[in-house]
Amino acid sequence: MTSTCSHLDQIVPVAPEATGECPECVAAGGTWVHLRACLECGHVGCCDSSPSRHATAHFHATAHPVMRSLEPGEHWGYCFPEELLIPGREMPAAAG
């Protein structure tokens, strides 16, 4: 495990595709605990405490390495390949 994420250059200004819900859980009639957003494409998925773990599934399907919490008051990201918590990571503003 490294102390600095080497994938931060893959973050682009993108807004989360959804707010307040996990679209895949909604489509399947499931539930979620917390939401995470991909910092490369904006995909929103549920956390690993949720039954379907859609945020991790998105990483495995796309290899997009960094996500962030979408929970109010939480300002952190996570790098999947390096298994690294990134304090203070904010979702960039949507490209205009």
N, C-alpha and C. Protein backbone atom coordinates (compact mmCIF):
# COMPACT_ATOMS: atom_id res chain seq x y z
N MET A 1 0.85 -1.18 0.00
CA MET A 1 0.00 0.00 0.00
C MET A 1 0.89 1.24 0.00
N THR A 2 0.52 2.23 -0.80
CA THR A 2 1.29 3.47 -0.90
C THR A 2 0.70 4.52 0.03
N SER A 3 1.44 5.61 0.23
CA SER A 3 0.94 6.69 1.08
C SER A 3 0.31 7.82 0.27
N THR A 4 0.53 7.83 -1.04
CA THR A 4 -0.04 8.85 -1.92
C THR A 4 -0.67 8.15 -3.12
N CYS A 5 -1.88 8.55 -3.46
CA CYS A 5 -2.57 7.94 -4.60
C CYS A 5 -1.95 8.42 -5.90
N SER A 6 -1.55 7.49 -6.74
CA SER A 6 -0.95 7.83 -8.03
C SER A 6 -2.00 7.98 -9.13
N HIS A 7 -3.29 7.87 -8.78
CA HIS A 7 -4.37 7.92 -9.77
C HIS A 7 -5.12 9.24 -9.80
N LEU A 8 -4.71 10.21 -9.00
CA LEU A 8 -5.46 11.46 -8.93
C LEU A 8 -5.50 12.20 -10.26
N ASP A 9 -4.54 11.93 -11.15
CA ASP A 9 -4.55 12.58 -12.47
C ASP A 9 -5.66 12.05 -13.37
N GLN A 10 -6.35 10.99 -12.97
CA GLN A 10 -7.45 10.43 -13.76
C GLN A 10 -8.79 11.05 -13.39
N ILE A 11 -8.79 11.94 -12.41
CA ILE A 11 -10.02 12.62 -12.02
C ILE A 11 -10.32 13.73 -13.02
N VAL A 12 -11.56 13.78 -13.48
CA VAL A 12 -11.98 14.83 -14.41
C VAL A 12 -13.20 15.55 -13.82
N PRO A 13 -13.43 16.80 -14.22
CA PRO A 13 -14.62 17.51 -13.72
C PRO A 13 -15.89 16.83 -14.21
N VAL A 14 -16.55 16.12 -13.34
CA VAL A 14 -17.78 15.41 -13.68
C VAL A 14 -18.72 15.42 -12.48
N ALA A 15 -19.98 15.64 -12.75
CA ALA A 15 -20.97 15.63 -11.68
C ALA A 15 -21.45 14.20 -11.46
N PRO A 16 -21.86 13.87 -10.24
CA PRO A 16 -22.43 12.54 -10.00
C PRO A 16 -23.67 12.34 -10.85
N GLU A 17 -23.86 11.13 -11.36
CA GLU A 17 -25.00 10.84 -12.23
C GLU A 17 -26.33 10.84 -11.48
N ALA A 18 -26.29 10.74 -10.18
CA ALA A 18 -27.51 10.72 -9.36
C ALA A 18 -27.20 11.34 -8.01
N THR A 19 -28.24 11.76 -7.33
CA THR A 19 -28.07 12.25 -5.96
C THR A 19 -29.15 11.60 -5.10
N GLY A 20 -28.76 11.13 -3.95
CA GLY A 20 -29.73 10.61 -3.00
C GLY A 20 -30.15 9.18 -3.18
N GLU A 21 -29.68 8.50 -4.25
CA GLU A 21 -30.07 7.11 -4.44
C GLU A 21 -29.04 6.37 -5.28
N CYS A 22 -29.00 5.07 -5.12
CA CYS A 22 -28.17 4.21 -5.96
C CYS A 22 -29.05 3.76 -7.13
N PRO A 23 -28.78 4.25 -8.34
CA PRO A 23 -29.65 3.91 -9.48
C PRO A 23 -29.79 2.40 -9.71
N GLU A 24 -28.71 1.64 -9.51
CA GLU A 24 -28.79 0.19 -9.72
C GLU A 24 -29.65 -0.48 -8.65
N CYS A 25 -29.57 -0.02 -7.41
CA CYS A 25 -30.43 -0.56 -6.36
C CYS A 25 -31.89 -0.22 -6.62
N VAL A 26 -32.14 1.02 -7.05
CA VAL A 26 -33.51 1.42 -7.36
C VAL A 26 -34.08 0.54 -8.47
N ALA A 27 -33.30 0.32 -9.53
CA ALA A 27 -33.77 -0.51 -10.66
C ALA A 27 -34.06 -1.94 -10.24
N ALA A 28 -33.30 -2.46 -9.28
CA ALA A 28 -33.47 -3.84 -8.84
C ALA A 28 -34.42 -3.97 -7.65
N GLY A 29 -34.92 -2.83 -7.15
CA GLY A 29 -35.79 -2.86 -5.98
C GLY A 29 -35.04 -3.13 -4.69
N GLY A 30 -33.73 -2.83 -4.69
CA GLY A 30 -32.90 -3.08 -3.51
C GLY A 30 -32.76 -1.87 -2.62
N THR A 31 -31.91 -2.02 -1.62
CA THR A 31 -31.65 -0.95 -0.66
C THR A 31 -30.15 -0.70 -0.59
N TRP A 32 -29.79 0.45 -0.04
CA TRP A 32 -28.38 0.81 0.10
C TRP A 32 -28.19 1.49 1.44
N VAL A 33 -26.92 1.57 1.87
CA VAL A 33 -26.58 2.21 3.13
C VAL A 33 -26.01 3.60 2.87
N HIS A 34 -24.91 3.69 2.09
CA HIS A 34 -24.27 4.95 1.76
C HIS A 34 -23.95 4.98 0.27
N LEU A 35 -23.74 6.18 -0.26
CA LEU A 35 -23.47 6.34 -1.68
C LEU A 35 -22.04 6.78 -1.93
N ARG A 36 -21.49 6.32 -3.06
CA ARG A 36 -20.15 6.67 -3.50
C ARG A 36 -20.25 7.09 -4.97
N ALA A 37 -19.37 8.01 -5.40
CA ALA A 37 -19.36 8.48 -6.78
C ALA A 37 -17.98 8.29 -7.38
N CYS A 38 -17.94 7.80 -8.60
CA CYS A 38 -16.69 7.62 -9.34
C CYS A 38 -16.18 9.00 -9.74
N LEU A 39 -14.90 9.24 -9.49
CA LEU A 39 -14.31 10.54 -9.84
C LEU A 39 -13.75 10.56 -11.25
N GLU A 40 -14.00 9.52 -12.02
CA GLU A 40 -13.60 9.53 -13.42
C GLU A 40 -14.80 9.71 -14.34
N CYS A 41 -15.96 9.10 -13.97
CA CYS A 41 -17.12 9.19 -14.87
C CYS A 41 -18.40 9.67 -14.19
N GLY A 42 -18.42 9.77 -12.85
CA GLY A 42 -19.61 10.24 -12.15
C GLY A 42 -20.60 9.15 -11.77
N HIS A 43 -20.30 7.89 -12.09
CA HIS A 43 -21.20 6.79 -11.72
C HIS A 43 -21.44 6.80 -10.21
N VAL A 44 -22.69 6.62 -9.81
CA VAL A 44 -23.04 6.55 -8.39
C VAL A 44 -23.41 5.11 -8.06
N GLY A 45 -22.80 4.61 -6.99
CA GLY A 45 -23.09 3.26 -6.53
C GLY A 45 -23.11 3.21 -5.02
N CYS A 46 -23.63 2.13 -4.49
CA CYS A 46 -23.72 1.96 -3.04
C CYS A 46 -22.41 1.41 -2.47
N CYS A 47 -22.22 1.65 -1.18
CA CYS A 47 -20.98 1.28 -0.48
C CYS A 47 -20.90 -0.22 -0.21
N ASP A 48 -19.77 -0.63 0.34
CA ASP A 48 -19.57 -2.04 0.64
C ASP A 48 -20.37 -2.52 1.85
N SER A 49 -20.97 -1.62 2.61
CA SER A 49 -21.88 -2.02 3.68
C SER A 49 -23.28 -2.30 3.15
N SER A 50 -23.53 -1.96 1.90
CA SER A 50 -24.81 -2.21 1.24
C SER A 50 -24.81 -3.63 0.66
N PRO A 51 -25.98 -4.23 0.52
CA PRO A 51 -26.03 -5.61 0.02
C PRO A 51 -25.39 -5.82 -1.36
N SER A 52 -25.53 -4.87 -2.26
CA SER A 52 -25.06 -5.08 -3.64
C SER A 52 -23.68 -4.53 -3.95
N ARG A 53 -23.14 -3.66 -3.12
CA ARG A 53 -21.78 -3.12 -3.27
C ARG A 53 -21.51 -2.61 -4.69
N HIS A 54 -22.41 -1.76 -5.21
CA HIS A 54 -22.31 -1.30 -6.59
C HIS A 54 -21.10 -0.41 -6.87
N ALA A 55 -20.59 0.34 -5.90
CA ALA A 55 -19.40 1.18 -6.14
C ALA A 55 -18.19 0.29 -6.42
N THR A 56 -18.00 -0.75 -5.63
CA THR A 56 -16.89 -1.67 -5.86
C THR A 56 -17.09 -2.44 -7.16
N ALA A 57 -18.31 -2.83 -7.46
CA ALA A 57 -18.59 -3.52 -8.73
C ALA A 57 -18.24 -2.62 -9.91
N HIS A 58 -18.50 -1.33 -9.79
CA HIS A 58 -18.16 -0.38 -10.86
C HIS A 58 -16.64 -0.36 -11.08
N PHE A 59 -15.87 -0.33 -9.99
CA PHE A 59 -14.41 -0.37 -10.12
C PHE A 59 -13.98 -1.65 -10.85
N HIS A 60 -14.51 -2.79 -10.46
CA HIS A 60 -14.11 -4.05 -11.09
C HIS A 60 -14.52 -4.12 -12.56
N ALA A 61 -15.63 -3.49 -12.92
CA ALA A 61 -16.10 -3.50 -14.31
C ALA A 61 -15.35 -2.51 -15.20
N THR A 62 -14.89 -1.39 -14.63
CA THR A 62 -14.33 -0.31 -15.45
C THR A 62 -12.86 0.00 -15.19
N ALA A 63 -12.35 -0.42 -14.04
CA ALA A 63 -11.00 -0.08 -13.58
C ALA A 63 -10.85 1.42 -13.29
N HIS A 64 -11.96 2.13 -13.12
CA HIS A 64 -11.88 3.54 -12.68
C HIS A 64 -11.44 3.50 -11.22
N PRO A 65 -10.30 4.07 -10.89
CA PRO A 65 -9.67 3.79 -9.60
C PRO A 65 -10.16 4.56 -8.38
N VAL A 66 -10.68 5.78 -8.56
CA VAL A 66 -10.94 6.63 -7.40
C VAL A 66 -12.42 6.98 -7.30
N MET A 67 -12.98 6.84 -6.10
CA MET A 67 -14.35 7.26 -5.83
C MET A 67 -14.33 8.14 -4.59
N ARG A 68 -15.46 8.78 -4.35
CA ARG A 68 -15.59 9.60 -3.15
C ARG A 68 -16.93 9.35 -2.51
N SER A 69 -17.01 9.67 -1.24
CA SER A 69 -18.28 9.57 -0.53
C SER A 69 -19.22 10.67 -1.01
N LEU A 70 -20.49 10.33 -1.14
CA LEU A 70 -21.52 11.34 -1.44
C LEU A 70 -22.36 11.66 -0.21
N GLU A 71 -21.94 11.16 0.93
CA GLU A 71 -22.70 11.41 2.15
C GLU A 71 -22.49 12.84 2.63
N PRO A 72 -23.55 13.51 3.08
CA PRO A 72 -23.43 14.88 3.58
C PRO A 72 -22.39 14.96 4.71
N GLY A 73 -21.52 15.94 4.62
CA GLY A 73 -20.51 16.16 5.64
C GLY A 73 -19.27 15.28 5.53
N GLU A 74 -19.27 14.31 4.61
CA GLU A 74 -18.10 13.45 4.42
C GLU A 74 -17.30 13.96 3.23
N HIS A 75 -16.01 14.17 3.45
CA HIS A 75 -15.13 14.71 2.41
C HIS A 75 -13.89 13.84 2.29
N TRP A 76 -14.07 12.67 1.69
CA TRP A 76 -12.95 11.76 1.51
C TRP A 76 -13.16 10.95 0.24
N GLY A 77 -12.06 10.43 -0.25
CA GLY A 77 -12.09 9.57 -1.41
C GLY A 77 -11.40 8.26 -1.08
N TYR A 78 -11.45 7.34 -2.03
CA TYR A 78 -10.81 6.04 -1.85
C TYR A 78 -10.25 5.57 -3.18
N CYS A 79 -9.00 5.14 -3.15
CA CYS A 79 -8.35 4.57 -4.33
C CYS A 79 -8.41 3.06 -4.20
N PHE A 80 -9.15 2.41 -5.10
CA PHE A 80 -9.30 0.95 -5.05
C PHE A 80 -7.99 0.20 -5.30
N PRO A 81 -7.22 0.50 -6.37
CA PRO A 81 -6.02 -0.30 -6.62
C PRO A 81 -4.97 -0.19 -5.51
N GLU A 82 -4.88 0.97 -4.89
CA GLU A 82 -3.88 1.18 -3.85
C GLU A 82 -4.44 0.98 -2.44
N GLU A 83 -5.76 0.69 -2.36
CA GLU A 83 -6.44 0.52 -1.07
C GLU A 83 -6.09 1.67 -0.13
N LEU A 84 -6.32 2.89 -0.62
CA LEU A 84 -5.86 4.08 0.07
C LEU A 84 -7.00 5.07 0.30
N LEU A 85 -7.20 5.47 1.54
CA LEU A 85 -8.14 6.52 1.88
C LEU A 85 -7.51 7.86 1.53
N ILE A 86 -8.28 8.72 0.87
CA ILE A 86 -7.78 10.04 0.44
C ILE A 86 -8.58 11.10 1.19
N PRO A 87 -8.03 11.66 2.26
CA PRO A 87 -8.77 12.66 3.02
C PRO A 87 -8.99 13.94 2.21
N GLY A 88 -10.16 14.56 2.41
CA GLY A 88 -10.43 15.86 1.80
C GLY A 88 -10.77 15.84 0.33
N ARG A 89 -11.02 14.68 -0.25
CA ARG A 89 -11.32 14.60 -1.69
C ARG A 89 -12.71 15.12 -1.96
N GLU A 90 -12.84 16.10 -2.79
CA GLU A 90 -14.14 16.66 -3.16
C GLU A 90 -14.51 16.26 -4.58
N MET A 91 -15.77 16.07 -4.84
CA MET A 91 -16.23 15.82 -6.20
C MET A 91 -16.02 17.11 -6.98
N PRO A 92 -15.27 17.09 -8.09
CA PRO A 92 -15.08 18.30 -8.89
C PRO A 92 -16.40 18.82 -9.43
N ALA A 93 -16.45 20.09 -9.71
CA ALA A 93 -17.65 20.68 -10.32
C ALA A 93 -17.86 20.07 -11.70
N ALA A 94 -19.10 20.00 -12.10
CA ALA A 94 -19.42 19.48 -13.43
C ALA A 94 -18.81 20.36 -14.50
N ALA A 95 -18.34 19.75 -15.57
CA ALA A 95 -17.78 20.51 -16.68
C ALA A 95 -18.86 21.39 -17.28
N GLY A 96 -18.52 22.59 -17.62
CA GLY A 96 -19.51 23.51 -18.12
C GLY A 96 -19.33 23.74 -19.52
